[in-house]
Amino acid sequence: MVSPSRLLHSSVAYVSRREFSNTMCSAVPIFPIAPKNPGLQPRGFSYHFKLKESKHQSKTKVPKKEMEIPVIDFSQLDGENRSKTMALLHNACEKWGFFKIENHGVNKDLMEKVKNLVNSHYENNLKASFYESEVVKSLGNGRTSNMDWESSFFISHRPKSNMDEFQNLSEDLRKAMDEYIAQLIELAEKLSELMCENLSLEKHHIKKAFSGKTGPSVGTKVAKYPKCPQPENVRGLREHTDAGGIILLLQDDQVPGLEFLKDGEWVQIPPSKNNAIFVNTGDQIEVLSNGRYKSALHRVMTIKDGSRLSIATFYNPAGDAIISPAQKLLYPNQFSFADYLKLYATTKFLDKEPRFESLKKMTSACNGVIV
């Protein structure tokens, strides 16, 4: 199970894919199909959700140069390029787990204001204490393998704000953050609707699945990754996937450091020019999509000559939300026995697995699911 020391907040945990897989499997080993008429299901015929084990621990390759990660232009969603844009979004969620949104509708002056106020808050309230922290003291003796070179705090917005608990937050920062988060929640819910459309799910499926009794949980991790004199000896943030749902990142426009794993290699994510928003999908989206959309393993590298800002907002399930793959995405969907017999007649003396795969493709196509 996940160690409590790894939790930053009750609804946000940073865990390795191995830890997450073990945690999930101890609670819900598989999600088998439960057809309305089990008599139509051949014996042993089931497809179920399964998280693939990450092999990142054996990877020691140098990160690739900055790769062009997918860019989703939200201004193209209402015109003749909508289908192309939706396909780009689907591919980004399915193959990457990280992408960038441009023309997202969030007020850019407000975004700039939030960044400036957060930087001022760090300089005035957190910087001195960071350089007296245990991770700084441990850097010289090499005992930093289980530490992160970051200064961070977590603001809860929904279902209940904890902003009043931070006595040293300026009134300007409180007000700006409230305005910013309201716009970000709209963006997160718009994204969830687009994901549902691409997966042929009901428009509000993700929001409903996340809601529990109080609605989706929303919180923001505000972090600075200060200059580090020995970047080779400590990570800004160790490798992890995000435990939650949809993560919207406003990050530094000058200093790099964020990397994610793709095809066995670490890919550098460039700074946020023009206040673009980076998105990554968390573990719960991977579960809800039955493994179609991936939660990407990522990390933050330390920099010797730069201090990086990160403002990551998490659109997560409520604590009491019950999460499972969408029933429609548990392959195969229902079929008639007559259709099965037609296929069986031509494949009777062949292996059964290709027959079941054909049914999977046939039923998903009939239901409009992208495969």
Protein backbone atom coordinates (compact mmCIF):
# COMPACT_ATOMS: atom_id res chain seq x y z
CA MET A 1 0.00 0.00 0.00
CA VAL A 2 1.06 3.62 -0.47
CA SER A 3 3.00 5.02 2.45
CA PRO A 4 1.22 7.93 4.20
CA SER A 5 4.43 9.90 3.98
CA ARG A 6 3.98 10.06 0.22
CA LEU A 7 0.64 11.89 0.49
CA LEU A 8 0.51 15.65 0.12
CA HIS A 9 -3.26 15.86 0.46
CA SER A 10 -6.13 13.50 1.02
CA SER A 11 -7.12 13.61 -2.64
CA VAL A 12 -3.72 14.02 -4.28
CA ALA A 13 -0.97 11.44 -4.03
CA TYR A 14 2.23 11.08 -5.98
CA VAL A 15 3.01 7.42 -6.34
CA SER A 16 4.94 5.18 -8.64
CA ARG A 17 3.03 3.10 -11.15
CA ARG A 18 4.15 0.00 -9.24
CA GLU A 19 2.66 1.33 -6.00
CA PHE A 20 -0.54 2.36 -7.75
CA SER A 21 -0.90 -0.99 -9.48
CA ASN A 22 -0.41 -2.85 -6.21
CA THR A 23 -2.88 -0.58 -4.43
CA MET A 24 -5.56 -0.91 -7.08
CA CYS A 25 -5.13 -4.63 -7.51
CA SER A 26 -5.48 -5.24 -3.78
CA ALA A 27 -8.87 -3.55 -3.90
CA VAL A 28 -10.16 -4.40 -7.37
CA PRO A 29 -8.20 -7.19 -9.09
CA ILE A 30 -10.09 -7.12 -12.40
CA PHE A 31 -13.19 -5.62 -13.93
CA PRO A 32 -14.87 -8.45 -15.86
CA ILE A 33 -17.77 -8.01 -18.21
CA ALA A 34 -21.17 -8.62 -16.72
CA PRO A 35 -23.50 -9.03 -19.71
CA LYS A 36 -27.24 -8.83 -19.22
CA ASN A 37 -27.56 -12.32 -20.60
CA PRO A 38 -24.57 -14.38 -19.43
CA GLY A 39 -25.81 -17.29 -21.53
CA LEU A 40 -24.52 -15.56 -24.64
CA GLN A 41 -20.99 -15.36 -23.29
CA PRO A 42 -18.63 -18.21 -24.22
CA ARG A 43 -16.88 -19.79 -21.25
CA GLY A 44 -13.81 -17.83 -20.21
CA PHE A 45 -14.76 -14.93 -22.51
CA SER A 46 -13.82 -11.69 -20.76
CA TYR A 47 -11.82 -8.55 -21.33
CA HIS A 48 -10.80 -6.58 -18.31
CA PHE A 49 -8.93 -3.49 -17.24
CA LYS A 50 -5.28 -3.96 -16.41
CA LEU A 51 -2.52 -1.48 -15.70
CA LYS A 52 0.68 -2.31 -17.49
CA GLU A 53 3.78 -2.44 -15.33
CA SER A 54 6.16 0.41 -16.06
CA LYS A 55 9.74 -0.47 -16.87
CA HIS A 56 11.08 2.98 -16.08
CA GLN A 57 13.25 1.76 -13.25
CA SER A 58 15.56 0.01 -15.67
CA LYS A 59 15.82 3.02 -17.97
CA THR A 60 18.89 5.17 -17.56
CA LYS A 61 18.94 6.87 -20.94
CA VAL A 62 19.72 10.55 -21.28
CA PRO A 63 16.55 12.58 -21.93
CA LYS A 64 15.69 13.32 -25.53
CA LYS A 65 15.96 16.84 -26.76
CA GLU A 66 12.75 18.83 -26.56
CA MET A 67 10.16 16.88 -28.51
CA GLU A 68 7.13 18.49 -30.09
CA ILE A 69 4.45 17.21 -27.77
CA PRO A 70 0.87 17.37 -29.08
CA VAL A 71 -0.67 20.84 -29.24
CA ILE A 72 -4.45 21.16 -29.02
CA ASP A 73 -5.79 24.47 -30.31
CA PHE A 74 -9.15 25.01 -28.63
CA SER A 75 -10.05 27.73 -31.13
CA GLN A 76 -10.36 24.97 -33.76
CA LEU A 77 -13.09 23.08 -31.91
CA ASP A 78 -15.93 25.17 -33.30
CA GLY A 79 -14.99 25.25 -36.97
CA GLU A 80 -14.35 22.98 -39.91
CA ASN A 81 -11.24 21.58 -38.20
CA ARG A 82 -13.16 20.17 -35.23
CA SER A 83 -12.85 16.53 -36.33
CA LYS A 84 -9.10 16.88 -36.85
CA THR A 85 -8.67 18.61 -33.49
CA MET A 86 -10.70 15.94 -31.69
CA ALA A 87 -8.55 13.24 -33.31
CA LEU A 88 -5.40 15.05 -32.14
CA LEU A 89 -6.78 15.19 -28.61
CA HIS A 90 -7.67 11.50 -28.66
CA ASN A 91 -4.18 10.57 -29.84
CA ALA A 92 -2.59 12.81 -27.21
CA CYS A 93 -4.56 11.12 -24.42
CA GLU A 94 -4.02 7.63 -25.78
CA LYS A 95 -0.37 7.73 -26.86
CA TRP A 96 1.21 10.51 -24.83
CA GLY A 97 -0.56 11.34 -21.58
CA PHE A 98 0.87 14.88 -21.85
CA PHE A 99 -0.18 17.66 -24.21
CA LYS A 100 -0.37 21.43 -24.50
CA ILE A 101 -3.51 23.55 -24.88
CA GLU A 102 -3.45 26.84 -26.75
CA ASN A 103 -6.29 29.37 -26.99
CA HIS A 104 -7.78 27.77 -23.90
CA GLY A 105 -9.89 30.75 -22.86
CA VAL A 106 -8.26 31.32 -19.48
CA ASN A 107 -7.46 35.00 -19.01
CA LYS A 108 -3.74 35.40 -19.71
CA ASP A 109 -3.37 38.62 -17.72
CA LEU A 110 -4.80 36.76 -14.74
CA MET A 111 -2.39 33.87 -15.31
CA GLU A 112 0.54 36.28 -15.36
CA LYS A 113 -0.72 37.94 -12.19
CA VAL A 114 -0.98 34.59 -10.39
CA LYS A 115 2.58 33.66 -11.37
CA ASN A 116 4.00 36.99 -10.20
CA LEU A 117 2.14 36.83 -6.88
CA VAL A 118 3.23 33.23 -6.25
CA ASN A 119 6.86 34.13 -6.99
CA SER A 120 6.64 37.05 -4.56
CA HIS A 121 5.08 34.81 -1.92
CA TYR A 122 7.94 32.33 -2.25
CA GLU A 123 10.63 35.01 -2.00
CA ASN A 124 9.03 36.64 1.04
CA ASN A 125 7.79 33.62 2.98
CA LEU A 126 9.28 30.31 1.85
CA LYS A 127 12.73 30.73 0.34
CA ALA A 128 14.68 31.16 3.57
CA SER A 129 13.02 28.18 5.26
CA PHE A 130 13.67 25.98 2.21
CA TYR A 131 17.42 26.51 2.44
CA GLU A 132 17.26 25.43 6.08
CA SER A 133 15.27 22.28 5.25
CA GLU A 134 16.37 18.67 5.62
CA VAL A 135 16.82 18.10 1.88
CA VAL A 136 19.34 20.96 1.67
CA LYS A 137 21.22 19.67 4.71
CA SER A 138 21.25 16.15 3.24
CA LEU A 139 22.52 17.16 -0.20
CA GLY A 140 26.15 17.21 0.83
CA ASN A 141 26.17 13.73 2.37
CA GLY A 142 24.34 11.97 -0.47
CA ARG A 143 21.24 10.99 1.53
CA THR A 144 18.71 12.49 -0.88
CA SER A 145 17.43 9.45 -2.79
CA ASN A 146 14.08 9.63 -0.98
CA MET A 147 13.78 13.41 -0.97
CA ASP A 148 12.51 16.05 -3.38
CA TRP A 149 14.20 19.39 -4.00
CA GLU A 150 11.04 21.47 -3.88
CA SER A 151 9.24 24.06 -1.80
CA SER A 152 5.49 23.51 -2.08
CA PHE A 153 2.11 23.90 -0.47
CA PHE A 154 -1.34 22.63 -1.39
CA ILE A 155 -4.49 24.72 -1.69
CA SER A 156 -7.83 22.92 -1.58
CA HIS A 157 -10.63 24.62 -3.54
CA ARG A 158 -13.47 22.10 -3.69
CA PRO A 159 -15.45 20.75 -1.98
CA LYS A 160 -14.11 23.12 0.70
CA SER A 161 -11.44 25.78 0.49
CA ASN A 162 -8.55 25.80 2.94
CA MET A 163 -7.26 29.19 1.78
CA ASP A 164 -7.95 30.77 5.18
CA GLU A 165 -5.52 28.35 6.81
CA PHE A 166 -2.59 30.09 5.09
CA GLN A 167 -2.14 33.20 7.20
CA ASN A 168 0.74 34.58 5.15
CA LEU A 169 -1.06 34.52 1.78
CA SER A 170 -1.67 38.06 0.59
CA GLU A 171 -5.21 39.18 -0.13
CA ASP A 172 -4.18 39.84 -3.74
CA LEU A 173 -2.96 36.25 -4.14
CA ARG A 174 -6.13 34.81 -2.56
CA LYS A 175 -8.38 36.81 -4.86
CA ALA A 176 -6.33 36.11 -7.99
CA MET A 177 -6.15 32.39 -7.20
CA ASP A 178 -9.93 32.18 -6.69
CA GLU A 179 -10.56 33.86 -10.06
CA TYR A 180 -7.98 31.68 -11.79
CA ILE A 181 -9.32 28.41 -10.35
CA ALA A 182 -12.89 29.23 -11.37
CA GLN A 183 -11.73 29.49 -14.99
CA LEU A 184 -9.57 26.38 -14.69
CA ILE A 185 -12.48 24.29 -13.42
CA GLU A 186 -14.44 25.30 -16.52
CA LEU A 187 -11.50 24.24 -18.68
CA ALA A 188 -11.10 20.90 -16.87
CA GLU A 189 -14.78 20.09 -17.29
CA LYS A 190 -14.66 21.07 -20.95
CA LEU A 191 -11.71 18.71 -21.38
CA SER A 192 -13.56 15.93 -19.59
CA GLU A 193 -16.51 16.36 -21.96
CA LEU A 194 -14.23 16.18 -25.00
CA MET A 195 -12.61 13.03 -23.64
CA CYS A 196 -16.05 11.50 -23.14
CA GLU A 197 -17.00 12.39 -26.71
CA ASN A 198 -13.87 10.72 -28.07
CA LEU A 199 -14.59 7.62 -25.99
CA SER A 200 -18.26 7.59 -27.07
CA LEU A 201 -19.38 8.05 -23.48
CA GLU A 202 -22.21 10.19 -22.18
CA LYS A 203 -21.11 13.85 -22.12
CA HIS A 204 -20.82 14.15 -18.34
CA HIS A 205 -19.64 10.61 -17.58
CA ILE A 206 -16.30 11.65 -16.09
CA LYS A 207 -17.79 14.46 -14.01
CA LYS A 208 -20.51 12.15 -12.68
CA ALA A 209 -17.97 9.41 -11.92
CA PHE A 210 -15.84 11.94 -10.02
CA SER A 211 -18.69 13.56 -8.12
CA GLY A 212 -19.44 11.33 -5.14
CA LYS A 213 -21.68 13.18 -2.69
CA THR A 214 -19.97 16.56 -2.89
CA GLY A 215 -18.81 16.92 -6.51
CA PRO A 216 -15.32 16.56 -7.97
CA SER A 217 -12.37 17.51 -5.77
CA VAL A 218 -10.23 20.41 -6.97
CA GLY A 219 -6.91 21.49 -5.52
CA THR A 220 -3.70 23.23 -6.54
CA LYS A 221 -0.12 22.32 -5.73
CA VAL A 222 2.00 25.47 -5.77
CA ALA A 223 5.68 24.60 -6.08
CA LYS A 224 9.06 26.17 -6.60
CA TYR A 225 12.07 24.11 -7.62
CA PRO A 226 14.97 26.31 -6.46
CA LYS A 227 18.45 26.47 -7.91
CA CYS A 228 20.39 23.39 -6.92
CA PRO A 229 24.20 23.34 -6.57
CA GLN A 230 24.34 19.56 -7.18
CA PRO A 231 21.55 18.71 -9.66
CA GLU A 232 23.11 15.32 -10.36
CA ASN A 233 22.43 14.22 -6.76
CA VAL A 234 18.74 15.01 -6.26
CA ARG A 235 15.49 15.24 -8.21
CA GLY A 236 13.19 18.21 -7.99
CA LEU A 237 10.40 15.63 -7.83
CA ARG A 238 10.90 11.90 -8.14
CA GLU A 239 9.32 9.76 -10.86
CA HIS A 240 5.58 9.30 -10.35
CA THR A 241 2.19 9.22 -11.98
CA ASP A 242 -0.55 11.48 -10.65
CA ALA A 243 -3.18 9.64 -8.65
CA GLY A 244 -6.08 11.83 -9.71
CA GLY A 245 -7.91 12.78 -12.89
CA ILE A 246 -7.09 15.77 -15.10
CA ILE A 247 -4.09 17.93 -14.21
CA LEU A 248 -3.76 21.46 -15.62
CA LEU A 249 -0.27 22.92 -15.32
CA LEU A 250 0.76 26.55 -15.45
CA GLN A 251 4.54 26.50 -15.31
CA ASP A 252 7.59 28.67 -15.61
CA ASP A 253 8.10 30.47 -18.92
CA GLN A 254 11.90 30.43 -18.66
CA VAL A 255 13.22 27.50 -16.64
CA PRO A 256 12.79 23.87 -17.83
CA GLY A 257 12.91 20.73 -15.72
CA LEU A 258 9.70 18.77 -16.27
CA GLU A 259 10.12 15.45 -18.12
CA PHE A 260 7.84 12.54 -18.89
CA LEU A 261 8.46 9.00 -20.05
CA LYS A 262 7.46 8.07 -23.60
CA ASP A 263 8.46 4.90 -25.40
CA GLY A 264 11.07 4.17 -22.75
CA GLU A 265 12.83 7.53 -22.94
CA TRP A 266 12.54 10.72 -20.94
CA VAL A 267 11.16 13.66 -22.92
CA GLN A 268 11.74 17.25 -21.85
CA ILE A 269 8.71 19.52 -21.68
CA PRO A 270 9.61 23.09 -22.63
CA PRO A 271 8.68 26.12 -20.51
CA SER A 272 5.16 27.58 -20.94
CA LYS A 273 5.57 30.28 -23.54
CA ASN A 274 2.57 32.61 -24.01
CA ASN A 275 0.92 31.10 -20.93
CA ALA A 276 -0.07 27.88 -22.66
CA ILE A 277 -1.47 25.26 -20.30
CA PHE A 278 0.01 21.78 -20.16
CA VAL A 279 -2.27 18.87 -19.38
CA ASN A 280 -1.53 15.39 -18.15
CA THR A 281 -3.98 12.61 -17.41
CA GLY A 282 -3.89 10.89 -14.04
CA ASP A 283 -4.43 7.33 -12.88
CA GLN A 284 -8.20 7.68 -12.52
CA ILE A 285 -8.61 8.63 -16.19
CA GLU A 286 -6.63 5.53 -17.10
CA VAL A 287 -9.00 3.47 -14.95
CA LEU A 288 -12.19 5.09 -16.27
CA SER A 289 -11.07 4.67 -19.88
CA ASN A 290 -10.24 0.99 -19.26
CA GLY A 291 -6.61 1.68 -20.05
CA ARG A 292 -7.25 3.60 -23.28
CA TYR A 293 -5.96 6.91 -21.92
CA LYS A 294 -2.64 6.76 -20.11
CA SER A 295 -1.33 8.35 -16.96
CA ALA A 296 2.22 9.29 -17.88
CA LEU A 297 5.19 8.77 -15.61
CA HIS A 298 6.92 12.12 -15.05
CA ARG A 299 9.54 13.82 -12.93
CA VAL A 300 11.16 17.19 -12.29
CA MET A 301 14.90 17.62 -12.73
CA THR A 302 16.87 20.14 -10.69
CA ILE A 303 18.66 23.04 -12.37
CA LYS A 304 21.90 24.65 -11.24
CA ASP A 305 21.18 28.11 -12.62
CA GLY A 306 17.40 28.46 -12.53
CA SER A 307 14.45 28.36 -10.12
CA ARG A 308 11.34 26.82 -11.70
CA LEU A 309 7.72 27.70 -10.91
CA SER A 310 4.92 25.12 -11.13
CA ILE A 311 1.21 25.69 -10.43
CA ALA A 312 -0.58 22.38 -10.97
CA THR A 313 -4.35 22.19 -10.54
CA PHE A 314 -5.92 18.77 -10.01
CA TYR A 315 -9.46 17.96 -11.13
CA ASN A 316 -9.94 14.78 -9.11
CA PRO A 317 -12.63 12.40 -7.90
CA ALA A 318 -14.30 13.13 -4.60
CA GLY A 319 -12.94 11.05 -1.75
CA ASP A 320 -16.07 8.88 -1.70
CA ALA A 321 -16.33 8.51 -5.50
CA ILE A 322 -16.39 4.88 -6.68
CA ILE A 323 -14.11 4.53 -9.67
CA SER A 324 -14.24 1.77 -12.27
CA PRO A 325 -13.89 1.50 -16.05
CA ALA A 326 -16.87 2.78 -18.02
CA GLN A 327 -19.11 -0.19 -18.74
CA LYS A 328 -19.21 0.72 -22.43
CA LEU A 329 -15.43 0.40 -22.65
CA LEU A 330 -15.29 -3.13 -21.26
CA TYR A 331 -14.80 -5.12 -24.46
CA PRO A 332 -16.56 -6.75 -26.11
CA ASN A 333 -19.98 -5.18 -25.96
CA GLN A 334 -23.08 -7.30 -26.41
CA PHE A 335 -23.71 -9.20 -29.61
CA SER A 336 -26.38 -11.54 -30.90
CA PHE A 337 -25.76 -15.25 -30.91
CA ALA A 338 -26.71 -15.27 -34.61
CA ASP A 339 -23.82 -12.91 -35.38
CA TYR A 340 -21.49 -15.08 -33.34
CA LEU A 341 -22.56 -18.20 -35.27
CA LYS A 342 -21.87 -16.48 -38.59
CA LEU A 343 -18.33 -15.76 -37.48
CA TYR A 344 -17.98 -19.18 -35.90
CA ALA A 345 -18.93 -20.93 -39.14
CA THR A 346 -15.82 -19.60 -40.88
CA THR A 347 -13.44 -19.91 -37.93
CA LYS A 348 -14.62 -23.06 -36.16
CA PHE A 349 -11.35 -24.94 -36.61
CA LEU A 350 -9.11 -21.97 -35.83
CA ASP A 351 -7.96 -20.57 -32.50
CA LYS A 352 -10.75 -18.87 -30.58
CA GLU A 353 -8.76 -15.75 -29.59
CA PRO A 354 -8.80 -14.14 -33.08
CA ARG A 355 -12.53 -14.82 -33.19
CA PHE A 356 -13.04 -12.93 -29.97
CA GLU A 357 -10.85 -10.09 -31.21
CA SER A 358 -13.02 -9.83 -34.32
CA LEU A 359 -16.09 -9.58 -32.14
CA LYS A 360 -14.40 -6.93 -30.06
CA LYS A 361 -13.72 -4.79 -33.13
CA MET A 362 -17.17 -5.42 -34.58
CA THR A 363 -19.06 -4.46 -31.43
CA SER A 364 -16.91 -1.43 -30.68
CA ALA A 365 -17.36 -0.16 -34.24
CA CYS A 366 -21.12 -0.55 -33.95
CA ASN A 367 -21.04 1.56 -30.79
CA GLY A 368 -18.85 4.28 -32.28
CA VAL A 369 -15.83 3.67 -30.09
CA ILE A 370 -12.51 4.76 -31.60
CA VAL A 371 -10.16 1.76 -31.83
